Amino acid sequence: MNSRAILQQARLYGILDLGYVQPQAITRVTESLCIGGVDLLQLRAKGKTPAEIESWAQQMLPITRSHSVPLIINDHPEVAAKVGCEGVHVGQDDDSVARARSWVGPDVLIGKSTHSMAQALAAQEEAPDYIGFGPLYATGTKPDYTPVGLADVSAVHATVSLPIFCIGGVNLSRIQEIVQAGARRVVAVSALLLAEAIEEETRRLKASLP
């Protein structure tokens, strides 16, 4: 799997968040998201132990690999390195990109969360493979963050040369205004995980992207 080539073409980034998904449903939801068309899939398990995250990632990896979807671990580069998955994502309060790179090596994707233009520019200097930018809207996933809105979406794409995934409150009802604001790639979480039919909702959202 050429993860960097997949990243360049990626439009829809899914997050399997254990705040929304019960552990016993991980394989089923992973399969649905992959069949529905996510280009990248992150495992986010806030407050869980590295051993638990490793176990869940091991369940997901055969499924994501069978669909050529890079699996990305949130917050834990040591787990990503141990599992041998395709990526790791770090937040503003987590390890630096350089520190994460020292864990996972040169071939693994590293993403960085940003919540303002200033953070996006600073992140670019760290040389991750991509950044997340948001939250665009108020979201239960990130209740402590002030929404950045849509005004800077075009500007951040004009300024930052990395792939940019817009995140935070992304759903089917908002996708057109997000795209019109200049977004090319998006992250979806609860809009997919809480859908009655995850696979179909993923497919619809993917089809709405340019």
C-alpha atoms as a PDB file:
ATOM      1  CA  MET A   1       0.000   0.000   0.000  1.00  0.00           C
ATOM      2  CA  ASN A   2       1.435   3.382  -1.017  1.00  0.00           C
ATOM      3  CA  SER A   3       0.021   5.493   1.794  1.00  0.00           C
ATOM      4  CA  ARG A   4       1.396   8.796   0.542  1.00  0.00           C
ATOM      5  CA  ALA A   5      -0.117   8.287  -2.897  1.00  0.00           C
ATOM      6  CA  ILE A   6      -3.453   7.439  -1.253  1.00  0.00           C
ATOM      7  CA  LEU A   7      -3.173  10.551   0.918  1.00  0.00           C
ATOM      8  CA  GLN A   8      -2.720  12.801  -2.101  1.00  0.00           C
ATOM      9  CA  GLN A   9      -5.945  11.505  -3.633  1.00  0.00           C
ATOM     10  CA  ALA A  10      -7.862  11.265  -0.345  1.00  0.00           C
ATOM     11  CA  ARG A  11     -11.054  13.284   0.129  1.00  0.00           C
ATOM     12  CA  LEU A  12     -12.928  11.608   2.994  1.00  0.00           C
ATOM     13  CA  TYR A  13     -11.191  10.831   6.289  1.00  0.00           C
ATOM     14  CA  GLY A  14     -13.191   8.785   8.768  1.00  0.00           C
ATOM     15  CA  ILE A  15     -12.576   8.539  12.494  1.00  0.00           C
ATOM     16  CA  LEU A  16     -13.697   5.528  14.471  1.00  0.00           C
ATOM     17  CA  ASP A  17     -14.118   7.241  17.836  1.00  0.00           C
ATOM     18  CA  LEU A  18     -14.659   4.999  20.856  1.00  0.00           C
ATOM     19  CA  GLY A  19     -16.749   7.793  22.347  1.00  0.00           C
ATOM     20  CA  TYR A  20     -19.421   6.770  19.813  1.00  0.00           C
ATOM     21  CA  VAL A  21     -18.667   3.117  19.074  1.00  0.00           C
ATOM     22  CA  GLN A  22     -18.702   0.221  21.535  1.00  0.00           C
ATOM     23  CA  PRO A  23     -15.580  -1.972  21.384  1.00  0.00           C
ATOM     24  CA  GLN A  24     -17.588  -5.014  20.294  1.00  0.00           C
ATOM     25  CA  ALA A  25     -18.754  -3.074  17.213  1.00  0.00           C
ATOM     26  CA  ILE A  26     -15.292  -2.027  16.040  1.00  0.00           C
ATOM     27  CA  THR A  27     -14.886  -4.607  13.273  1.00  0.00           C
ATOM     28  CA  ARG A  28     -18.425  -4.112  11.950  1.00  0.00           C
ATOM     29  CA  VAL A  29     -18.096  -0.316  11.866  1.00  0.00           C
ATOM     30  CA  THR A  30     -14.619  -0.504  10.326  1.00  0.00           C
ATOM     31  CA  GLU A  31     -15.980  -2.680   7.525  1.00  0.00           C
ATOM     32  CA  SER A  32     -18.928  -0.354   6.920  1.00  0.00           C
ATOM     33  CA  LEU A  33     -16.737   2.751   6.759  1.00  0.00           C
ATOM     34  CA  CYS A  34     -14.287   1.100   4.372  1.00  0.00           C
ATOM     35  CA  ILE A  35     -16.992  -0.261   2.075  1.00  0.00           C
ATOM     36  CA  GLY A  36     -18.715   3.134   2.146  1.00  0.00           C
ATOM     37  CA  GLY A  37     -15.581   4.770   0.817  1.00  0.00           C
ATOM     38  CA  VAL A  38     -13.421   6.417   3.490  1.00  0.00           C
ATOM     39  CA  ASP A  39      -9.959   7.058   2.079  1.00  0.00           C
ATOM     40  CA  LEU A  40      -8.246   7.134   5.482  1.00  0.00           C
ATOM     41  CA  LEU A  41      -9.451   5.783   8.826  1.00  0.00           C
ATOM     42  CA  GLN A  42      -8.303   6.859  12.263  1.00  0.00           C
ATOM     43  CA  LEU A  43      -8.777   5.008  15.535  1.00  0.00           C
ATOM     44  CA  ARG A  44      -9.420   7.530  18.315  1.00  0.00           C
ATOM     45  CA  ALA A  45      -9.768   6.128  21.829  1.00  0.00           C
ATOM     46  CA  LYS A  46      -9.368   8.946  24.338  1.00  0.00           C
ATOM     47  CA  GLY A  47      -8.702   7.783  27.885  1.00  0.00           C
ATOM     48  CA  LYS A  48      -8.008   4.186  26.886  1.00  0.00           C
ATOM     49  CA  THR A  49      -4.769   2.354  27.625  1.00  0.00           C
ATOM     50  CA  PRO A  50      -2.107   1.778  24.963  1.00  0.00           C
ATOM     51  CA  ALA A  51      -2.679  -1.982  25.340  1.00  0.00           C
ATOM     52  CA  GLU A  52      -6.407  -1.575  24.627  1.00  0.00           C
ATOM     53  CA  ILE A  53      -5.719   0.656  21.624  1.00  0.00           C
ATOM     54  CA  GLU A  54      -3.192  -1.829  20.289  1.00  0.00           C
ATOM     55  CA  SER A  55      -5.709  -4.658  20.588  1.00  0.00           C
ATOM     56  CA  TRP A  56      -8.406  -2.701  18.733  1.00  0.00           C
ATOM     57  CA  ALA A  57      -5.975  -1.591  16.039  1.00  0.00           C
ATOM     58  CA  GLN A  58      -4.997  -5.217  15.483  1.00  0.00           C
ATOM     59  CA  GLN A  59      -8.674  -6.009  14.892  1.00  0.00           C
ATOM     60  CA  MET A  60      -9.040  -3.156  12.417  1.00  0.00           C
ATOM     61  CA  LEU A  61      -5.839  -3.589  10.435  1.00  0.00           C
ATOM     62  CA  PRO A  62      -6.768  -6.683   8.376  1.00  0.00           C
ATOM     63  CA  ILE A  63     -10.008  -4.962   7.350  1.00  0.00           C
ATOM     64  CA  THR A  64      -8.463  -1.613   6.433  1.00  0.00           C
ATOM     65  CA  ARG A  65      -5.644  -3.304   4.538  1.00  0.00           C
ATOM     66  CA  SER A  66      -8.082  -5.431   2.555  1.00  0.00           C
ATOM     67  CA  HIS A  67      -9.666  -2.173   1.347  1.00  0.00           C
ATOM     68  CA  SER A  68      -6.326  -0.321   0.884  1.00  0.00           C
ATOM     69  CA  VAL A  69      -7.347   2.237   3.516  1.00  0.00           C
ATOM     70  CA  PRO A  70      -4.432   3.522   5.637  1.00  0.00           C
ATOM     71  CA  LEU A  71      -5.084   3.032   9.362  1.00  0.00           C
ATOM     72  CA  ILE A  72      -4.044   5.950  11.547  1.00  0.00           C
ATOM     73  CA  ILE A  73      -3.695   5.865  15.334  1.00  0.00           C
ATOM     74  CA  ASN A  74      -4.605   8.973  17.298  1.00  0.00           C
ATOM     75  CA  ASP A  75      -2.174  10.259  19.956  1.00  0.00           C
ATOM     76  CA  HIS A  76      -0.036   7.130  20.387  1.00  0.00           C
ATOM     77  CA  PRO A  77       2.954   6.854  18.022  1.00  0.00           C
ATOM     78  CA  GLU A  78       4.344   4.025  20.127  1.00  0.00           C
ATOM     79  CA  VAL A  79       1.193   1.998  19.415  1.00  0.00           C
ATOM     80  CA  ALA A  80       1.324   2.848  15.712  1.00  0.00           C
ATOM     81  CA  ALA A  81       4.929   1.658  15.620  1.00  0.00           C
ATOM     82  CA  LYS A  82       4.147  -1.562  17.479  1.00  0.00           C
ATOM     83  CA  VAL A  83       1.114  -2.408  15.347  1.00  0.00           C
ATOM     84  CA  GLY A  84       2.842  -1.452  12.118  1.00  0.00           C
ATOM     85  CA  CYS A  85      -0.069   0.581  10.806  1.00  0.00           C
ATOM     86  CA  GLU A  86       0.169   3.312   8.191  1.00  0.00           C
ATOM     87  CA  GLY A  87      -0.151   6.502  10.223  1.00  0.00           C
ATOM     88  CA  VAL A  88      -0.312   8.417  13.479  1.00  0.00           C
ATOM     89  CA  HIS A  89      -2.089  11.675  14.293  1.00  0.00           C
ATOM     90  CA  VAL A  90      -0.941  14.133  16.957  1.00  0.00           C
ATOM     91  CA  GLY A  91      -2.774  17.064  18.503  1.00  0.00           C
ATOM     92  CA  GLN A  92      -1.537  20.441  19.645  1.00  0.00           C
ATOM     93  CA  ASP A  93      -0.926  19.082  23.156  1.00  0.00           C
ATOM     94  CA  ASP A  94       0.618  15.784  22.056  1.00  0.00           C
ATOM     95  CA  ASP A  95       4.078  14.847  20.798  1.00  0.00           C
ATOM     96  CA  SER A  96       5.737  17.019  18.180  1.00  0.00           C
ATOM     97  CA  VAL A  97       5.837  15.718  14.633  1.00  0.00           C
ATOM     98  CA  ALA A  98       9.578  15.111  15.035  1.00  0.00           C
ATOM     99  CA  ARG A  99       9.014  13.091  18.207  1.00  0.00           C
ATOM    100  CA  ALA A 100       6.287  11.037  16.532  1.00  0.00           C
ATOM    101  CA  ARG A 101       8.570  10.503  13.529  1.00  0.00           C
ATOM    102  CA  SER A 102      11.267   9.140  15.827  1.00  0.00           C
ATOM    103  CA  TRP A 103       8.809   6.433  16.896  1.00  0.00           C
ATOM    104  CA  VAL A 104       7.345   5.440  13.544  1.00  0.00           C
ATOM    105  CA  GLY A 105      10.106   6.104  11.031  1.00  0.00           C
ATOM    106  CA  PRO A 106      10.100   7.844   7.651  1.00  0.00           C
ATOM    107  CA  ASP A 107       7.462   5.803   5.826  1.00  0.00           C
ATOM    108  CA  VAL A 108       4.497   6.270   8.171  1.00  0.00           C
ATOM    109  CA  LEU A 109       2.026   9.126   7.687  1.00  0.00           C
ATOM    110  CA  ILE A 110       1.936  11.777  10.403  1.00  0.00           C
ATOM    111  CA  GLY A 111      -0.940  14.223  10.770  1.00  0.00           C
ATOM    112  CA  LYS A 112      -1.207  17.281  13.018  1.00  0.00           C
ATOM    113  CA  SER A 113      -4.324  18.993  14.382  1.00  0.00           C
ATOM    114  CA  THR A 114      -4.584  22.774  13.987  1.00  0.00           C
ATOM    115  CA  HIS A 115      -7.241  25.161  15.261  1.00  0.00           C
ATOM    116  CA  SER A 116      -6.236  28.493  13.707  1.00  0.00           C
ATOM    117  CA  MET A 117      -4.318  29.957  10.788  1.00  0.00           C
ATOM    118  CA  ALA A 118      -1.334  30.544  13.088  1.00  0.00           C
ATOM    119  CA  GLN A 119      -1.308  26.919  14.187  1.00  0.00           C
ATOM    120  CA  ALA A 120      -1.651  25.726  10.593  1.00  0.00           C
ATOM    121  CA  LEU A 121       1.377  27.776   9.550  1.00  0.00           C
ATOM    122  CA  ALA A 122       3.367  26.575  12.560  1.00  0.00           C
ATOM    123  CA  ALA A 123       2.411  22.974  11.824  1.00  0.00           C
ATOM    124  CA  GLN A 124       3.649  23.268   8.245  1.00  0.00           C
ATOM    125  CA  GLU A 125       7.103  24.076   9.631  1.00  0.00           C
ATOM    126  CA  GLU A 126       7.049  20.753  11.510  1.00  0.00           C
ATOM    127  CA  ALA A 127       6.620  18.951   8.161  1.00  0.00           C
ATOM    128  CA  PRO A 128       3.768  16.549   8.879  1.00  0.00           C
ATOM    129  CA  ASP A 129       2.213  14.714   5.940  1.00  0.00           C
ATOM    130  CA  TYR A 130      -1.128  16.495   6.404  1.00  0.00           C
ATOM    131  CA  ILE A 131      -2.979  18.743   8.833  1.00  0.00           C
ATOM    132  CA  GLY A 132      -6.473  18.785  10.251  1.00  0.00           C
ATOM    133  CA  PHE A 133      -8.082  22.244  10.383  1.00  0.00           C
ATOM    134  CA  GLY A 134     -11.026  23.041  12.621  1.00  0.00           C
ATOM    135  CA  PRO A 135     -13.398  22.589  14.239  1.00  0.00           C
ATOM    136  CA  LEU A 136     -15.433  24.345  11.558  1.00  0.00           C
ATOM    137  CA  TYR A 137     -18.573  24.152  13.714  1.00  0.00           C
ATOM    138  CA  ALA A 138     -19.315  23.476  17.362  1.00  0.00           C
ATOM    139  CA  THR A 139     -19.021  19.760  17.922  1.00  0.00           C
ATOM    140  CA  GLY A 140     -19.501  17.311  20.759  1.00  0.00           C
ATOM    141  CA  THR A 141     -16.204  15.681  19.883  1.00  0.00           C
ATOM    142  CA  LYS A 142     -14.270  18.878  20.685  1.00  0.00           C
ATOM    143  CA  PRO A 143     -16.476  20.832  23.107  1.00  0.00           C
ATOM    144  CA  ASP A 144     -13.570  22.883  24.482  1.00  0.00           C
ATOM    145  CA  TYR A 145     -12.562  24.347  21.123  1.00  0.00           C
ATOM    146  CA  THR A 146     -14.040  27.539  19.703  1.00  0.00           C
ATOM    147  CA  PRO A 147     -15.223  26.888  16.126  1.00  0.00           C
ATOM    148  CA  VAL A 148     -12.986  28.456  13.510  1.00  0.00           C
ATOM    149  CA  GLY A 149     -15.894  28.870  11.088  1.00  0.00           C
ATOM    150  CA  LEU A 150     -15.597  28.859   7.308  1.00  0.00           C
ATOM    151  CA  ALA A 151     -13.939  32.235   6.768  1.00  0.00           C
ATOM    152  CA  ASP A 152     -10.341  30.940   6.910  1.00  0.00           C
ATOM    153  CA  VAL A 153     -10.860  27.783   4.887  1.00  0.00           C
ATOM    154  CA  SER A 154      -9.906  29.386   1.583  1.00  0.00           C
ATOM    155  CA  ALA A 155      -7.001  31.282   3.153  1.00  0.00           C
ATOM    156  CA  VAL A 156      -5.478  28.224   4.791  1.00  0.00           C
ATOM    157  CA  HIS A 157      -5.586  26.360   1.482  1.00  0.00           C
ATOM    158  CA  ALA A 158      -3.874  29.293  -0.221  1.00  0.00           C
ATOM    159  CA  THR A 159      -1.159  29.452   2.435  1.00  0.00           C
ATOM    160  CA  VAL A 160      -0.432  25.875   3.492  1.00  0.00           C
ATOM    161  CA  SER A 161       0.892  23.504   0.851  1.00  0.00           C
ATOM    162  CA  LEU A 162       0.135  20.287   2.750  1.00  0.00           C
ATOM    163  CA  PRO A 163      -3.075  18.275   2.330  1.00  0.00           C
ATOM    164  CA  ILE A 164      -5.669  19.907   4.606  1.00  0.00           C
ATOM    165  CA  PHE A 165      -8.596  18.007   6.113  1.00  0.00           C
ATOM    166  CA  CYS A 166     -11.366  20.230   7.435  1.00  0.00           C
ATOM    167  CA  ILE A 167     -12.943  18.806  10.578  1.00  0.00           C
ATOM    168  CA  GLY A 168     -15.613  19.569  13.127  1.00  0.00           C
ATOM    169  CA  GLY A 169     -19.342  19.249  12.567  1.00  0.00           C
ATOM    170  CA  VAL A 170     -18.960  17.985   9.000  1.00  0.00           C
ATOM    171  CA  ASN A 171     -22.135  16.284   7.776  1.00  0.00           C
ATOM    172  CA  LEU A 172     -24.212  15.843   4.670  1.00  0.00           C
ATOM    173  CA  SER A 173     -26.405  18.891   5.324  1.00  0.00           C
ATOM    174  CA  ARG A 174     -23.350  21.174   5.570  1.00  0.00           C
ATOM    175  CA  ILE A 175     -21.043  19.657   2.983  1.00  0.00           C
ATOM    176  CA  GLN A 176     -21.982  21.997   0.139  1.00  0.00           C
ATOM    177  CA  GLU A 177     -21.227  25.153   2.110  1.00  0.00           C
ATOM    178  CA  ILE A 178     -17.983  23.600   3.349  1.00  0.00           C
ATOM    179  CA  VAL A 179     -16.903  22.813  -0.207  1.00  0.00           C
ATOM    180  CA  GLN A 180     -18.001  26.253  -1.412  1.00  0.00           C
ATOM    181  CA  ALA A 181     -15.827  27.790   1.309  1.00  0.00           C
ATOM    182  CA  GLY A 182     -12.823  26.105  -0.316  1.00  0.00           C
ATOM    183  CA  ALA A 183     -12.468  22.739   1.422  1.00  0.00           C
ATOM    184  CA  ARG A 184     -11.154  19.880  -0.694  1.00  0.00           C
ATOM    185  CA  ARG A 185     -10.884  17.213   1.994  1.00  0.00           C
ATOM    186  CA  VAL A 186     -12.967  16.613   5.101  1.00  0.00           C
ATOM    187  CA  VAL A 187     -13.056  14.519   8.256  1.00  0.00           C
ATOM    188  CA  ALA A 188     -16.360  13.058   9.437  1.00  0.00           C
ATOM    189  CA  VAL A 189     -16.992  11.474  12.815  1.00  0.00           C
ATOM    190  CA  SER A 190     -20.447  11.453  14.417  1.00  0.00           C
ATOM    191  CA  ALA A 191     -22.208  12.096  11.097  1.00  0.00           C
ATOM    192  CA  LEU A 192     -21.051   8.639  10.025  1.00  0.00           C
ATOM    193  CA  LEU A 193     -20.842   6.759  13.314  1.00  0.00           C
ATOM    194  CA  LEU A 194     -24.351   7.725  14.457  1.00  0.00           C
ATOM    195  CA  ALA A 195     -25.980   7.159  11.063  1.00  0.00           C
ATOM    196  CA  GLU A 196     -28.663   4.474  10.831  1.00  0.00           C
ATOM    197  CA  ALA A 197     -26.781   3.015   7.885  1.00  0.00           C
ATOM    198  CA  ILE A 198     -23.080   3.844   8.205  1.00  0.00           C
ATOM    199  CA  GLU A 199     -22.054   2.440   4.846  1.00  0.00           C
ATOM    200  CA  GLU A 200     -24.732   4.338   2.941  1.00  0.00           C
ATOM    201  CA  GLU A 201     -24.127   7.619   4.795  1.00  0.00           C
ATOM    202  CA  THR A 202     -20.416   7.316   4.081  1.00  0.00           C
ATOM    203  CA  ARG A 203     -21.134   6.716   0.424  1.00  0.00           C
ATOM    204  CA  ARG A 204     -23.426   9.755   0.218  1.00  0.00           C
ATOM    205  CA  LEU A 205     -20.910  12.039   1.913  1.00  0.00           C
ATOM    206  CA  LYS A 206     -18.086  10.814  -0.322  1.00  0.00           C
ATOM    207  CA  ALA A 207     -20.204  11.445  -3.424  1.00  0.00           C
ATOM    208  CA  SER A 208     -20.802  15.035  -2.281  1.00  0.00           C
ATOM    209  CA  LEU A 209     -17.088  15.885  -2.318  1.00  0.00           C
ATOM    210  CA  PRO A 210     -15.343  17.348  -5.366  1.00  0.00           C
END
